[in-house]
Amino acid sequence: MPRTPITPDQVRKVAALARLSLDEEEVLTYARQLDAILEYVEQLDELDLTDVEGTSHAVPLACPTRPDASRPSAQSQAILERAPAREAEHFLVPRIIE
């Protein structure tokens, strides 16, 4: 079934939903561009991908992680000494909600 081209009315509707203000030239430009994108996707749909493994990224990604190990942290007293204002063992910050 042939695809229906993107119409300027469709672009106006999506622009309104996205609260975008487009002039008529932009509407026509976006309609042409979106239609070209969908035409390209249709070409991709024609490819035989039977033996192609699915992936979520175009290139292999490695996510390096460090071992989850306990280690000493900064001394809270040393950090509190640098605070502009403190109360007992806590930072004192300005009230933002009345």
Protein backbone atom coordinates (compact mmCIF):
# COMPACT_ATOMS: atom_id res chain seq x y z
CA MET A 1 0.00 0.00 0.00
CA PRO A 2 1.55 3.34 -1.02
CA ARG A 3 2.28 5.83 1.72
CA THR A 4 0.34 9.07 1.82
CA PRO A 5 2.69 12.07 1.69
CA ILE A 6 2.99 14.36 4.71
CA THR A 7 0.64 17.29 4.23
CA PRO A 8 1.09 20.89 5.37
CA ASP A 9 -2.01 20.43 7.55
CA GLN A 10 -0.31 17.56 9.38
CA VAL A 11 2.76 19.73 9.97
CA ARG A 12 0.55 22.56 11.28
CA LYS A 13 -1.22 20.15 13.64
CA VAL A 14 2.05 18.77 15.06
CA ALA A 15 3.47 22.29 15.33
CA ALA A 16 0.40 23.39 17.28
CA LEU A 17 0.72 20.40 19.63
CA ALA A 18 4.39 21.27 20.17
CA ARG A 19 3.48 24.94 20.62
CA LEU A 20 5.66 25.93 17.66
CA SER A 21 4.94 28.99 15.60
CA LEU A 22 5.74 28.27 11.95
CA ASP A 23 5.23 30.55 8.99
CA GLU A 24 3.85 29.09 5.76
CA GLU A 25 7.29 28.69 4.17
CA GLU A 26 8.49 26.67 7.18
CA VAL A 27 5.37 24.50 7.08
CA LEU A 28 6.00 23.63 3.44
CA THR A 29 9.72 23.04 4.05
CA TYR A 30 9.07 20.72 7.00
CA ALA A 31 6.39 18.85 5.08
CA ARG A 32 8.88 18.16 2.27
CA GLN A 33 11.67 17.21 4.69
CA LEU A 34 9.50 14.89 6.78
CA ASP A 35 8.18 13.26 3.63
CA ALA A 36 11.76 12.68 2.41
CA ILE A 37 12.66 11.08 5.76
CA LEU A 38 9.68 8.72 5.59
CA GLU A 39 10.55 7.86 1.99
CA TYR A 40 14.06 6.92 3.11
CA VAL A 41 12.67 4.78 5.95
CA GLU A 42 10.52 2.97 3.39
CA GLN A 43 13.69 2.17 1.43
CA LEU A 44 15.26 0.75 4.58
CA ASP A 45 12.18 -1.43 5.12
CA GLU A 46 12.93 -3.11 1.79
CA LEU A 47 16.28 -4.48 3.02
CA ASP A 48 16.59 -8.17 3.86
CA LEU A 49 17.73 -8.20 7.48
CA THR A 50 17.14 -11.87 8.16
CA ASP A 51 20.70 -12.62 9.33
CA VAL A 52 21.33 -9.23 10.95
CA GLU A 53 21.41 -9.25 14.73
CA GLY A 54 19.39 -6.50 16.36
CA THR A 55 21.19 -3.78 18.26
CA SER A 56 20.37 -0.64 20.15
CA HIS A 57 23.52 1.23 19.05
CA ALA A 58 25.30 1.63 15.74
CA VAL A 59 28.70 0.94 17.32
CA PRO A 60 29.68 -1.40 20.15
CA LEU A 61 29.64 0.32 23.51
CA ALA A 62 31.52 -0.62 26.61
CA CYS A 63 30.38 0.79 29.90
CA PRO A 64 33.36 0.64 32.22
CA THR A 65 32.50 0.22 35.85
CA ARG A 66 34.59 0.16 38.96
CA PRO A 67 34.28 -2.54 41.56
CA ASP A 68 31.77 -1.77 44.26
CA ALA A 69 34.14 -1.58 47.20
CA SER A 70 34.05 0.26 50.48
CA ARG A 71 36.62 3.03 50.82
CA PRO A 72 37.21 5.90 53.20
CA SER A 73 35.38 9.13 52.49
CA ALA A 74 36.18 12.71 53.40
CA GLN A 75 35.85 13.59 57.05
CA SER A 76 32.53 15.37 57.58
CA GLN A 77 34.05 17.80 60.09
CA ALA A 78 36.65 18.95 57.55
CA ILE A 79 33.90 19.55 54.99
CA LEU A 80 31.66 21.39 57.46
CA GLU A 81 34.54 23.70 58.42
CA ARG A 82 34.49 25.09 54.86
CA ALA A 83 30.74 25.73 54.86
CA PRO A 84 29.69 29.39 54.87
CA ALA A 85 27.04 28.58 57.50
CA ARG A 86 26.35 25.50 59.59
CA GLU A 87 24.29 24.35 62.51
CA ALA A 88 25.68 21.48 64.57
CA GLU A 89 26.56 18.75 62.06
CA HIS A 90 24.51 20.18 59.16
CA PHE A 91 24.90 22.75 56.42
CA LEU A 92 22.73 25.80 57.01
CA VAL A 93 21.07 27.00 53.81
CA PRO A 94 18.62 29.84 53.13
CA ARG A 95 14.92 28.96 53.30
CA ILE A 96 13.43 28.81 49.82
CA ILE A 97 9.89 27.68 50.70
CA GLU A 98 7.86 29.77 53.07
